[in-house]
Amino acid sequence: MFKTIPRKVSDYLRDKHRQILNDYRDLEGKYREQCGYIALDIAKLLLESGYRPYIMEAKQEVQDNNFLKVIPLVPKIYKGRVKWSVHQVCCCKGLAFDPVIGKPVKISEYTKEIFGEKIPMEVVIPFERIEEFIERFRSN
């Protein structure tokens, strides 16, 4: 666990949380934010502070008549107005860093906190590949 969260990370979470209260849209309300890009932005900040972040994905699927069906993820904060098929979040040292919540949350409690139920999560970008993804997708 962290002794203290780096200030630039906590500032980012707070500021982005205020921004995405408008149904996960950008400041102008025009475009939907991208959870993968946000996760990489947070990973970059954690890397700069000397930590080893990675990206996890929440996804819920069920077998339905020989087809794999994705169950929509519905963040509590948006009261049903926003739904995702998957959601990516930056994690590090046992915590998930998601501006939808606005503060770090234990990974074990994360999906319950954001969606109101336990949902399976898996690592989709391990620490060993995080810099490659930051460079490829977040070169600003």
N, C-alpha and C. Protein backbone atom coordinates (compact mmCIF):
# COMPACT_ATOMS: atom_id res chain seq x y z
N MET A 1 0.83 -1.19 0.00
CA MET A 1 0.00 0.00 0.00
C MET A 1 0.87 1.26 0.00
N PHE A 2 0.28 2.34 -0.35
CA PHE A 2 0.96 3.63 -0.38
C PHE A 2 0.99 4.22 1.03
N LYS A 3 2.09 4.87 1.37
CA LYS A 3 2.10 5.68 2.59
C LYS A 3 1.32 6.95 2.32
N THR A 4 1.63 7.59 1.19
CA THR A 4 0.85 8.74 0.72
C THR A 4 0.77 8.65 -0.80
N ILE A 5 -0.36 9.06 -1.32
CA ILE A 5 -0.57 9.08 -2.78
C ILE A 5 0.15 10.31 -3.32
N PRO A 6 0.93 10.16 -4.40
CA PRO A 6 1.58 11.34 -4.99
C PRO A 6 0.55 12.43 -5.29
N ARG A 7 0.90 13.65 -4.95
CA ARG A 7 -0.03 14.78 -5.09
C ARG A 7 -0.55 14.94 -6.52
N LYS A 8 0.32 14.76 -7.52
CA LYS A 8 -0.15 14.95 -8.89
C LYS A 8 -1.18 13.89 -9.28
N VAL A 9 -1.12 12.72 -8.64
CA VAL A 9 -2.12 11.68 -8.90
C VAL A 9 -3.44 12.05 -8.22
N SER A 10 -3.39 12.43 -6.96
CA SER A 10 -4.63 12.80 -6.26
C SER A 10 -5.27 14.04 -6.90
N ASP A 11 -4.45 15.00 -7.36
CA ASP A 11 -4.98 16.18 -8.05
C ASP A 11 -5.67 15.78 -9.35
N TYR A 12 -5.04 14.88 -10.11
CA TYR A 12 -5.62 14.42 -11.37
C TYR A 12 -6.96 13.74 -11.11
N LEU A 13 -7.02 12.85 -10.11
CA LEU A 13 -8.26 12.14 -9.80
C LEU A 13 -9.37 13.13 -9.43
N ARG A 14 -9.06 14.08 -8.60
CA ARG A 14 -10.04 15.07 -8.16
C ARG A 14 -10.52 15.93 -9.34
N ASP A 15 -9.58 16.47 -10.11
CA ASP A 15 -9.94 17.34 -11.23
C ASP A 15 -10.71 16.60 -12.32
N LYS A 16 -10.27 15.41 -12.66
CA LYS A 16 -10.95 14.62 -13.69
C LYS A 16 -12.33 14.18 -13.20
N HIS A 17 -12.45 13.90 -11.90
CA HIS A 17 -13.75 13.53 -11.34
C HIS A 17 -14.76 14.66 -11.56
N ARG A 18 -14.37 15.87 -11.28
CA ARG A 18 -15.25 17.03 -11.49
C ARG A 18 -15.64 17.14 -12.97
N GLN A 19 -14.67 16.90 -13.83
CA GLN A 19 -14.89 17.02 -15.27
C GLN A 19 -15.88 15.98 -15.79
N ILE A 20 -15.76 14.75 -15.35
CA ILE A 20 -16.58 13.66 -15.93
C ILE A 20 -17.92 13.46 -15.23
N LEU A 21 -18.25 14.33 -14.30
CA LEU A 21 -19.57 14.24 -13.67
C LEU A 21 -20.68 14.40 -14.71
N ASN A 22 -20.37 15.07 -15.82
CA ASN A 22 -21.32 15.28 -16.91
C ASN A 22 -21.39 14.03 -17.79
N ASP A 23 -21.85 12.95 -17.23
CA ASP A 23 -22.04 11.68 -17.94
C ASP A 23 -20.80 11.21 -18.71
N TYR A 24 -19.62 11.36 -18.07
CA TYR A 24 -18.36 10.85 -18.60
C TYR A 24 -17.98 11.53 -19.91
N ARG A 25 -18.30 12.83 -20.00
CA ARG A 25 -17.97 13.60 -21.20
C ARG A 25 -16.85 14.58 -20.90
N ASP A 26 -16.22 15.09 -21.97
CA ASP A 26 -15.15 16.08 -21.81
C ASP A 26 -15.71 17.40 -21.29
N LEU A 27 -14.83 18.37 -21.06
CA LEU A 27 -15.25 19.64 -20.46
C LEU A 27 -16.34 20.35 -21.26
N GLU A 28 -16.30 20.25 -22.58
CA GLU A 28 -17.31 20.89 -23.42
C GLU A 28 -18.59 20.06 -23.51
N GLY A 29 -18.57 18.85 -22.99
CA GLY A 29 -19.74 17.98 -23.04
C GLY A 29 -19.96 17.33 -24.39
N LYS A 30 -18.96 17.43 -25.27
CA LYS A 30 -19.10 16.93 -26.64
C LYS A 30 -18.75 15.45 -26.79
N TYR A 31 -17.63 15.06 -26.23
CA TYR A 31 -17.10 13.72 -26.49
C TYR A 31 -17.02 12.90 -25.22
N ARG A 32 -17.27 11.62 -25.37
CA ARG A 32 -17.12 10.71 -24.24
C ARG A 32 -15.64 10.53 -23.93
N GLU A 33 -15.34 10.47 -22.67
CA GLU A 33 -13.97 10.18 -22.25
C GLU A 33 -13.67 8.71 -22.54
N GLN A 34 -12.41 8.35 -22.56
CA GLN A 34 -11.97 6.98 -22.81
C GLN A 34 -11.27 6.45 -21.57
N CYS A 35 -11.82 5.42 -20.96
CA CYS A 35 -11.25 4.90 -19.72
C CYS A 35 -9.82 4.41 -19.91
N GLY A 36 -9.52 3.82 -21.05
CA GLY A 36 -8.16 3.34 -21.30
C GLY A 36 -7.15 4.47 -21.34
N TYR A 37 -7.52 5.58 -21.96
CA TYR A 37 -6.63 6.75 -22.00
C TYR A 37 -6.45 7.36 -20.62
N ILE A 38 -7.53 7.46 -19.88
CA ILE A 38 -7.45 7.99 -18.51
C ILE A 38 -6.55 7.10 -17.67
N ALA A 39 -6.71 5.79 -17.79
CA ALA A 39 -5.88 4.84 -17.03
C ALA A 39 -4.40 5.03 -17.38
N LEU A 40 -4.10 5.24 -18.66
CA LEU A 40 -2.71 5.46 -19.07
C LEU A 40 -2.16 6.79 -18.56
N ASP A 41 -3.01 7.82 -18.52
CA ASP A 41 -2.58 9.10 -17.95
C ASP A 41 -2.18 8.93 -16.48
N ILE A 42 -2.99 8.19 -15.75
CA ILE A 42 -2.69 7.95 -14.33
C ILE A 42 -1.44 7.09 -14.19
N ALA A 43 -1.31 6.08 -15.04
CA ALA A 43 -0.11 5.22 -15.01
C ALA A 43 1.14 6.05 -15.23
N LYS A 44 1.09 6.99 -16.17
CA LYS A 44 2.24 7.85 -16.44
C LYS A 44 2.61 8.66 -15.20
N LEU A 45 1.63 9.21 -14.52
CA LEU A 45 1.89 9.98 -13.30
C LEU A 45 2.50 9.10 -12.20
N LEU A 46 2.00 7.88 -12.08
CA LEU A 46 2.55 6.95 -11.07
C LEU A 46 3.98 6.55 -11.43
N LEU A 47 4.22 6.29 -12.71
CA LEU A 47 5.58 5.96 -13.16
C LEU A 47 6.55 7.09 -12.84
N GLU A 48 6.14 8.32 -13.11
CA GLU A 48 6.98 9.48 -12.83
C GLU A 48 7.29 9.62 -11.35
N SER A 49 6.45 9.05 -10.51
CA SER A 49 6.65 9.09 -9.06
C SER A 49 7.38 7.85 -8.54
N GLY A 50 7.82 6.98 -9.47
CA GLY A 50 8.61 5.82 -9.08
C GLY A 50 7.83 4.56 -8.76
N TYR A 51 6.55 4.50 -9.14
CA TYR A 51 5.73 3.32 -8.85
C TYR A 51 5.62 2.41 -10.08
N ARG A 52 5.02 1.24 -9.89
CA ARG A 52 4.89 0.22 -10.91
C ARG A 52 3.41 -0.04 -11.24
N PRO A 53 2.78 0.85 -11.98
CA PRO A 53 1.35 0.70 -12.28
C PRO A 53 1.09 -0.34 -13.37
N TYR A 54 -0.15 -0.78 -13.42
CA TYR A 54 -0.62 -1.69 -14.47
C TYR A 54 -2.10 -1.40 -14.69
N ILE A 55 -2.64 -1.92 -15.79
CA ILE A 55 -4.04 -1.65 -16.13
C ILE A 55 -4.83 -2.94 -15.99
N MET A 56 -5.96 -2.82 -15.29
CA MET A 56 -6.90 -3.93 -15.14
C MET A 56 -8.19 -3.58 -15.87
N GLU A 57 -8.94 -4.63 -16.21
CA GLU A 57 -10.19 -4.45 -16.93
C GLU A 57 -11.30 -5.19 -16.20
N ALA A 58 -12.43 -4.52 -16.03
CA ALA A 58 -13.63 -5.16 -15.48
C ALA A 58 -14.54 -5.51 -16.65
N LYS A 59 -15.03 -6.74 -16.64
CA LYS A 59 -15.90 -7.20 -17.72
C LYS A 59 -16.75 -8.33 -17.18
N GLN A 60 -18.02 -8.32 -17.55
CA GLN A 60 -18.93 -9.36 -17.09
C GLN A 60 -19.58 -10.02 -18.30
N GLU A 61 -19.35 -11.34 -18.43
CA GLU A 61 -19.89 -12.09 -19.57
C GLU A 61 -20.64 -13.31 -19.06
N VAL A 62 -21.65 -13.72 -19.81
CA VAL A 62 -22.38 -14.95 -19.51
C VAL A 62 -22.60 -15.73 -20.80
N GLN A 63 -22.72 -17.02 -20.68
CA GLN A 63 -23.03 -17.88 -21.81
C GLN A 63 -24.54 -17.87 -22.00
N ASP A 64 -25.01 -17.57 -23.23
CA ASP A 64 -26.43 -17.51 -23.52
C ASP A 64 -26.68 -18.20 -24.85
N ASN A 65 -27.28 -19.39 -24.79
CA ASN A 65 -27.57 -20.16 -26.00
C ASN A 65 -26.35 -20.27 -26.93
N ASN A 66 -25.26 -20.76 -26.40
CA ASN A 66 -24.02 -20.96 -27.14
C ASN A 66 -23.35 -19.66 -27.60
N PHE A 67 -23.80 -18.53 -27.12
CA PHE A 67 -23.18 -17.25 -27.43
C PHE A 67 -22.67 -16.62 -26.14
N LEU A 68 -21.55 -15.94 -26.24
CA LEU A 68 -21.01 -15.21 -25.10
C LEU A 68 -21.64 -13.82 -25.11
N LYS A 69 -22.34 -13.51 -24.06
CA LYS A 69 -23.07 -12.24 -23.98
C LYS A 69 -22.39 -11.35 -22.93
N VAL A 70 -22.12 -10.10 -23.32
CA VAL A 70 -21.53 -9.13 -22.41
C VAL A 70 -22.65 -8.42 -21.65
N ILE A 71 -22.54 -8.40 -20.34
CA ILE A 71 -23.51 -7.70 -19.50
C ILE A 71 -22.99 -6.28 -19.28
N PRO A 72 -23.80 -5.28 -19.59
CA PRO A 72 -23.34 -3.88 -19.44
C PRO A 72 -22.94 -3.56 -18.00
N LEU A 73 -21.88 -2.76 -17.89
CA LEU A 73 -21.44 -2.24 -16.60
C LEU A 73 -22.07 -0.86 -16.44
N VAL A 74 -22.70 -0.64 -15.31
CA VAL A 74 -23.44 0.60 -15.08
C VAL A 74 -22.87 1.28 -13.84
N PRO A 75 -22.05 2.33 -14.03
CA PRO A 75 -21.49 3.03 -12.87
C PRO A 75 -22.60 3.70 -12.06
N LYS A 76 -22.57 3.50 -10.76
CA LYS A 76 -23.61 4.04 -9.88
C LYS A 76 -23.75 5.55 -10.00
N ILE A 77 -22.64 6.24 -10.15
CA ILE A 77 -22.64 7.70 -10.16
C ILE A 77 -23.53 8.29 -11.26
N TYR A 78 -23.70 7.57 -12.37
CA TYR A 78 -24.45 8.10 -13.51
C TYR A 78 -25.91 7.64 -13.54
N LYS A 79 -26.32 6.87 -12.56
CA LYS A 79 -27.73 6.47 -12.39
C LYS A 79 -28.36 5.89 -13.66
N GLY A 80 -27.60 5.05 -14.37
CA GLY A 80 -28.12 4.36 -15.55
C GLY A 80 -27.96 5.10 -16.87
N ARG A 81 -27.50 6.34 -16.84
CA ARG A 81 -27.35 7.11 -18.09
C ARG A 81 -26.11 6.70 -18.88
N VAL A 82 -25.15 6.08 -18.22
CA VAL A 82 -23.90 5.66 -18.86
C VAL A 82 -23.72 4.17 -18.62
N LYS A 83 -23.39 3.44 -19.71
CA LYS A 83 -23.14 1.99 -19.61
C LYS A 83 -21.92 1.66 -20.47
N TRP A 84 -21.16 0.70 -19.99
CA TRP A 84 -19.97 0.25 -20.73
C TRP A 84 -20.00 -1.27 -20.88
N SER A 85 -19.36 -1.78 -21.91
CA SER A 85 -19.21 -3.23 -22.04
C SER A 85 -17.99 -3.71 -21.25
N VAL A 86 -16.96 -2.86 -21.19
CA VAL A 86 -15.77 -3.13 -20.36
C VAL A 86 -15.31 -1.79 -19.77
N HIS A 87 -14.51 -1.88 -18.73
CA HIS A 87 -13.97 -0.65 -18.14
C HIS A 87 -12.55 -0.92 -17.67
N GLN A 88 -11.63 -0.06 -18.06
CA GLN A 88 -10.23 -0.19 -17.68
C GLN A 88 -9.87 0.82 -16.60
N VAL A 89 -8.99 0.40 -15.71
CA VAL A 89 -8.59 1.25 -14.59
C VAL A 89 -7.11 1.00 -14.28
N CYS A 90 -6.42 2.07 -13.90
CA CYS A 90 -5.02 1.95 -13.49
C CYS A 90 -4.97 1.45 -12.06
N CYS A 91 -4.08 0.49 -11.82
CA CYS A 91 -3.92 -0.08 -10.48
C CYS A 91 -2.45 -0.07 -10.09
N CYS A 92 -2.22 -0.03 -8.79
CA CYS A 92 -0.86 -0.02 -8.28
C CYS A 92 -0.90 -0.25 -6.78
N LYS A 93 -0.05 -1.13 -6.31
CA LYS A 93 0.09 -1.39 -4.87
C LYS A 93 -1.24 -1.67 -4.19
N GLY A 94 -2.08 -2.48 -4.83
CA GLY A 94 -3.34 -2.90 -4.22
C GLY A 94 -4.48 -1.91 -4.33
N LEU A 95 -4.27 -0.81 -5.06
CA LEU A 95 -5.31 0.21 -5.19
C LEU A 95 -5.70 0.41 -6.65
N ALA A 96 -6.97 0.75 -6.87
CA ALA A 96 -7.47 1.16 -8.18
C ALA A 96 -7.63 2.67 -8.16
N PHE A 97 -7.16 3.32 -9.23
CA PHE A 97 -7.18 4.78 -9.34
C PHE A 97 -8.14 5.18 -10.45
N ASP A 98 -9.36 5.52 -10.09
CA ASP A 98 -10.37 5.84 -11.09
C ASP A 98 -11.05 7.15 -10.74
N PRO A 99 -11.00 8.15 -11.65
CA PRO A 99 -11.64 9.42 -11.37
C PRO A 99 -13.16 9.34 -11.27
N VAL A 100 -13.78 8.27 -11.75
CA VAL A 100 -15.22 8.12 -11.56
C VAL A 100 -15.52 8.13 -10.06
N ILE A 101 -14.65 7.49 -9.29
CA ILE A 101 -14.80 7.47 -7.83
C ILE A 101 -14.14 8.72 -7.24
N GLY A 102 -13.02 9.14 -7.82
CA GLY A 102 -12.36 10.37 -7.39
C GLY A 102 -11.27 10.20 -6.37
N LYS A 103 -11.06 8.97 -5.93
CA LYS A 103 -10.01 8.68 -4.96
C LYS A 103 -9.60 7.22 -5.12
N PRO A 104 -8.41 6.86 -4.66
CA PRO A 104 -7.99 5.46 -4.74
C PRO A 104 -8.88 4.56 -3.87
N VAL A 105 -9.13 3.36 -4.37
CA VAL A 105 -9.95 2.37 -3.68
C VAL A 105 -9.22 1.04 -3.74
N LYS A 106 -9.32 0.23 -2.69
CA LYS A 106 -8.72 -1.11 -2.74
C LYS A 106 -9.28 -1.88 -3.93
N ILE A 107 -8.40 -2.57 -4.64
CA ILE A 107 -8.83 -3.35 -5.81
C ILE A 107 -9.93 -4.32 -5.43
N SER A 108 -9.82 -4.94 -4.26
CA SER A 108 -10.81 -5.93 -3.83
C SER A 108 -12.19 -5.32 -3.62
N GLU A 109 -12.28 -4.00 -3.45
CA GLU A 109 -13.55 -3.32 -3.23
C GLU A 109 -13.97 -2.45 -4.42
N TYR A 110 -13.12 -2.38 -5.42
CA TYR A 110 -13.31 -1.44 -6.52
C TYR A 110 -14.64 -1.63 -7.27
N THR A 111 -14.92 -2.81 -7.80
CA THR A 111 -16.12 -2.97 -8.62
C THR A 111 -17.39 -2.79 -7.79
N LYS A 112 -17.35 -3.18 -6.54
CA LYS A 112 -18.50 -2.96 -5.65
C LYS A 112 -18.72 -1.46 -5.46
N GLU A 113 -17.63 -0.72 -5.33
CA GLU A 113 -17.71 0.73 -5.14
C GLU A 113 -18.24 1.45 -6.38
N ILE A 114 -17.75 1.09 -7.54
CA ILE A 114 -18.13 1.82 -8.76
C ILE A 114 -19.44 1.31 -9.38
N PHE A 115 -19.66 -0.02 -9.35
CA PHE A 115 -20.83 -0.59 -10.02
C PHE A 115 -21.88 -1.13 -9.06
N GLY A 116 -21.54 -1.24 -7.77
CA GLY A 116 -22.49 -1.76 -6.79
C GLY A 116 -22.53 -3.27 -6.69
N GLU A 117 -21.61 -3.94 -7.40
CA GLU A 117 -21.54 -5.40 -7.34
C GLU A 117 -20.13 -5.87 -7.68
N LYS A 118 -19.82 -7.08 -7.26
CA LYS A 118 -18.52 -7.66 -7.59
C LYS A 118 -18.55 -8.11 -9.05
N ILE A 119 -17.54 -7.67 -9.79
CA ILE A 119 -17.42 -8.01 -11.20
C ILE A 119 -15.99 -8.49 -11.43
N PRO A 120 -15.81 -9.53 -12.22
CA PRO A 120 -14.45 -10.04 -12.47
C PRO A 120 -13.55 -8.98 -13.09
N MET A 121 -12.28 -9.00 -12.66
CA MET A 121 -11.27 -8.10 -13.22
C MET A 121 -10.04 -8.91 -13.57
N GLU A 122 -9.32 -8.45 -14.59
CA GLU A 122 -8.08 -9.09 -14.97
C GLU A 122 -7.09 -8.04 -15.45
N VAL A 123 -5.81 -8.37 -15.33
CA VAL A 123 -4.76 -7.48 -15.82
C VAL A 123 -4.73 -7.57 -17.34
N VAL A 124 -4.82 -6.41 -18.01
CA VAL A 124 -4.76 -6.39 -19.47
C VAL A 124 -3.48 -5.74 -19.97
N ILE A 125 -2.86 -4.88 -19.16
CA ILE A 125 -1.55 -4.32 -19.49
C ILE A 125 -0.68 -4.43 -18.25
N PRO A 126 0.23 -5.40 -18.23
CA PRO A 126 1.10 -5.55 -17.06
C PRO A 126 2.12 -4.41 -16.99
N PHE A 127 2.69 -4.23 -15.83
CA PHE A 127 3.69 -3.18 -15.63
C PHE A 127 4.79 -3.24 -16.69
N GLU A 128 5.22 -4.44 -17.03
CA GLU A 128 6.33 -4.60 -17.98
C GLU A 128 6.03 -4.01 -19.35
N ARG A 129 4.76 -3.77 -19.67
CA ARG A 129 4.41 -3.22 -20.99
C ARG A 129 3.77 -1.83 -20.91
N ILE A 130 3.67 -1.29 -19.70
CA ILE A 130 2.93 -0.03 -19.52
C ILE A 130 3.58 1.13 -20.28
N GLU A 131 4.90 1.23 -20.25
CA GLU A 131 5.57 2.34 -20.95
C GLU A 131 5.32 2.27 -22.45
N GLU A 132 5.32 1.08 -22.99
CA GLU A 132 5.04 0.89 -24.42
C GLU A 132 3.66 1.45 -24.78
N PHE A 133 2.66 1.16 -23.96
CA PHE A 133 1.30 1.63 -24.22
C PHE A 133 1.17 3.14 -24.01
N ILE A 134 1.85 3.66 -23.01
CA ILE A 134 1.84 5.12 -22.79
C ILE A 134 2.42 5.81 -24.01
N GLU A 135 3.55 5.32 -24.48
CA GLU A 135 4.20 5.93 -25.66
C GLU A 135 3.30 5.84 -26.90
N ARG A 136 2.68 4.71 -27.08
CA ARG A 136 1.87 4.49 -28.28
C ARG A 136 0.59 5.32 -28.27
N PHE A 137 -0.07 5.41 -27.12
CA PHE A 137 -1.38 6.01 -27.09
C PHE A 137 -1.48 7.35 -26.36
N ARG A 138 -0.49 7.69 -25.56
CA ARG A 138 -0.56 8.93 -24.78
C ARG A 138 0.75 9.71 -24.90
N SER A 139 1.19 9.96 -26.10
CA SER A 139 2.49 10.57 -26.32
C SER A 139 2.52 12.08 -26.05
N ASN A 140 1.44 12.65 -25.55
CA ASN A 140 1.43 14.09 -25.25
C ASN A 140 2.05 14.39 -23.92
